[in-house]
Amino acid sequence: MLEKITVVDKIETLENGCVQVRAAIRVLEDGRVLSQSFHRHVVAPGQDYSGEDERVQAICAAVHTPEVIAAYEAAHPAPVEVTEPTDA
């Protein structure tokens, strides 16, 4: 029987507080891996991580301190929206 599973197989913390997450998508037949691919994403300090794997949530809770979030936001200011003037 074929089965498709997704598991978080790698979690890395970077110096700036970002948490990199790798998920392995595996196709199994009778418990043996037939195929495997990977998906990666980053959880930045201050970003909502409530939908992440419980291990990722625990790491983010420990790493994303108020100081780390403030430093990250200072280094990565929000983009400013530029609007073109309109002719009235």
C-alpha atoms as a PDB file:
ATOM      1  CA  MET A   1       0.000   0.000   0.000  1.00  0.00           C
ATOM      2  CA  LEU A   2       1.276   3.472  -0.907  1.00  0.00           C
ATOM      3  CA  GLU A   3       1.404   6.144   1.737  1.00  0.00           C
ATOM      4  CA  LYS A   4       2.496   9.786   1.554  1.00  0.00           C
ATOM      5  CA  ILE A   5       3.832  11.412   4.722  1.00  0.00           C
ATOM      6  CA  THR A   6       5.393  14.753   5.584  1.00  0.00           C
ATOM      7  CA  VAL A   7       7.879  14.993   8.445  1.00  0.00           C
ATOM      8  CA  VAL A   8       9.953  17.902   9.718  1.00  0.00           C
ATOM      9  CA  ASP A   9      13.408  16.372   9.538  1.00  0.00           C
ATOM     10  CA  LYS A  10      15.683  19.377  10.039  1.00  0.00           C
ATOM     11  CA  ILE A  11      15.403  22.541  12.144  1.00  0.00           C
ATOM     12  CA  GLU A  12      18.232  25.077  12.168  1.00  0.00           C
ATOM     13  CA  THR A  13      18.605  28.336  14.074  1.00  0.00           C
ATOM     14  CA  LEU A  14      20.547  31.152  12.444  1.00  0.00           C
ATOM     15  CA  GLU A  15      22.552  33.884  14.147  1.00  0.00           C
ATOM     16  CA  ASN A  16      19.867  36.525  13.434  1.00  0.00           C
ATOM     17  CA  GLY A  17      17.156  34.416  15.112  1.00  0.00           C
ATOM     18  CA  CYS A  18      15.592  32.989  11.959  1.00  0.00           C
ATOM     19  CA  VAL A  19      14.565  29.354  12.241  1.00  0.00           C
ATOM     20  CA  GLN A  20      14.982  27.305   9.062  1.00  0.00           C
ATOM     21  CA  VAL A  21      12.670  24.332   8.691  1.00  0.00           C
ATOM     22  CA  ARG A  22      13.023  21.449   6.243  1.00  0.00           C
ATOM     23  CA  ALA A  23      10.129  19.086   5.670  1.00  0.00           C
ATOM     24  CA  ALA A  24      10.622  15.778   3.912  1.00  0.00           C
ATOM     25  CA  ILE A  25       7.726  14.594   1.764  1.00  0.00           C
ATOM     26  CA  ARG A  26       8.016  10.825   1.481  1.00  0.00           C
ATOM     27  CA  VAL A  27       6.140   8.259  -0.568  1.00  0.00           C
ATOM     28  CA  LEU A  28       6.253   4.873   1.140  1.00  0.00           C
ATOM     29  CA  GLU A  29       5.313   1.399   0.036  1.00  0.00           C
ATOM     30  CA  ASP A  30       5.048  -1.155   2.820  1.00  0.00           C
ATOM     31  CA  GLY A  31       7.176   1.104   5.045  1.00  0.00           C
ATOM     32  CA  ARG A  32       9.970   1.558   2.459  1.00  0.00           C
ATOM     33  CA  VAL A  33      10.741   4.985   0.998  1.00  0.00           C
ATOM     34  CA  LEU A  34      10.086   5.003  -2.748  1.00  0.00           C
ATOM     35  CA  SER A  35      10.446   8.715  -3.271  1.00  0.00           C
ATOM     36  CA  GLN A  36      11.440  11.738  -1.210  1.00  0.00           C
ATOM     37  CA  SER A  37      11.465  15.473  -1.831  1.00  0.00           C
ATOM     38  CA  PHE A  38      12.048  18.454   0.410  1.00  0.00           C
ATOM     39  CA  HIS A  39      10.351  21.758   1.172  1.00  0.00           C
ATOM     40  CA  ARG A  40      12.146  24.490   3.114  1.00  0.00           C
ATOM     41  CA  HIS A  41      10.856  27.636   4.762  1.00  0.00           C
ATOM     42  CA  VAL A  42      12.011  30.185   7.315  1.00  0.00           C
ATOM     43  CA  VAL A  43      10.273  31.461  10.444  1.00  0.00           C
ATOM     44  CA  ALA A  44      11.550  34.983  11.109  1.00  0.00           C
ATOM     45  CA  PRO A  45      11.603  36.571  14.566  1.00  0.00           C
ATOM     46  CA  GLY A  46       8.206  38.140  15.229  1.00  0.00           C
ATOM     47  CA  GLN A  47       6.428  35.940  12.675  1.00  0.00           C
ATOM     48  CA  ASP A  48       3.426  33.854  13.777  1.00  0.00           C
ATOM     49  CA  TYR A  49       4.578  30.260  14.252  1.00  0.00           C
ATOM     50  CA  SER A  50       1.404  28.829  15.805  1.00  0.00           C
ATOM     51  CA  GLY A  51       0.770  26.593  12.776  1.00  0.00           C
ATOM     52  CA  GLU A  52       4.237  25.039  12.830  1.00  0.00           C
ATOM     53  CA  ASP A  53       5.295  21.591  14.029  1.00  0.00           C
ATOM     54  CA  GLU A  54       5.400  21.435  17.854  1.00  0.00           C
ATOM     55  CA  ARG A  55       9.206  21.129  17.856  1.00  0.00           C
ATOM     56  CA  VAL A  56       9.512  24.236  15.670  1.00  0.00           C
ATOM     57  CA  GLN A  57       7.130  26.072  18.014  1.00  0.00           C
ATOM     58  CA  ALA A  58       9.263  25.128  21.031  1.00  0.00           C
ATOM     59  CA  ILE A  59      12.455  26.348  19.349  1.00  0.00           C
ATOM     60  CA  CYS A  60      10.839  29.597  18.199  1.00  0.00           C
ATOM     61  CA  ALA A  61       9.478  30.209  21.701  1.00  0.00           C
ATOM     62  CA  ALA A  62      13.014  29.866  23.100  1.00  0.00           C
ATOM     63  CA  VAL A  63      14.855  31.786  20.375  1.00  0.00           C
ATOM     64  CA  HIS A  64      12.411  34.579  19.484  1.00  0.00           C
ATOM     65  CA  THR A  65      12.944  36.672  22.602  1.00  0.00           C
ATOM     66  CA  PRO A  66      11.810  40.326  22.647  1.00  0.00           C
ATOM     67  CA  GLU A  67      15.457  41.363  22.186  1.00  0.00           C
ATOM     68  CA  VAL A  68      15.941  39.107  19.155  1.00  0.00           C
ATOM     69  CA  ILE A  69      12.670  40.311  17.591  1.00  0.00           C
ATOM     70  CA  ALA A  70      13.641  43.970  18.131  1.00  0.00           C
ATOM     71  CA  ALA A  71      17.103  43.432  16.613  1.00  0.00           C
ATOM     72  CA  TYR A  72      15.641  41.594  13.620  1.00  0.00           C
ATOM     73  CA  GLU A  73      13.018  44.285  13.007  1.00  0.00           C
ATOM     74  CA  ALA A  74      15.659  47.023  13.286  1.00  0.00           C
ATOM     75  CA  ALA A  75      17.802  45.241  10.687  1.00  0.00           C
ATOM     76  CA  HIS A  76      14.800  44.555   8.402  1.00  0.00           C
ATOM     77  CA  PRO A  77      12.468  47.552   8.467  1.00  0.00           C
ATOM     78  CA  ALA A  78       9.014  47.129   6.970  1.00  0.00           C
ATOM     79  CA  PRO A  79       8.827  48.222   3.332  1.00  0.00           C
ATOM     80  CA  VAL A  80       7.414  51.679   2.732  1.00  0.00           C
ATOM     81  CA  GLU A  81       4.562  51.883   0.252  1.00  0.00           C
ATOM     82  CA  VAL A  82       5.255  54.408  -2.458  1.00  0.00           C
ATOM     83  CA  THR A  83       2.290  55.872  -4.286  1.00  0.00           C
ATOM     84  CA  GLU A  84       2.460  57.743  -7.531  1.00  0.00           C
ATOM     85  CA  PRO A  85       0.894  61.193  -7.577  1.00  0.00           C
ATOM     86  CA  THR A  86      -2.369  61.318  -9.485  1.00  0.00           C
ATOM     87  CA  ASP A  87      -3.504  64.124 -11.734  1.00  0.00           C
ATOM     88  CA  ALA A  88      -6.626  65.684 -10.315  1.00  0.00           C
END
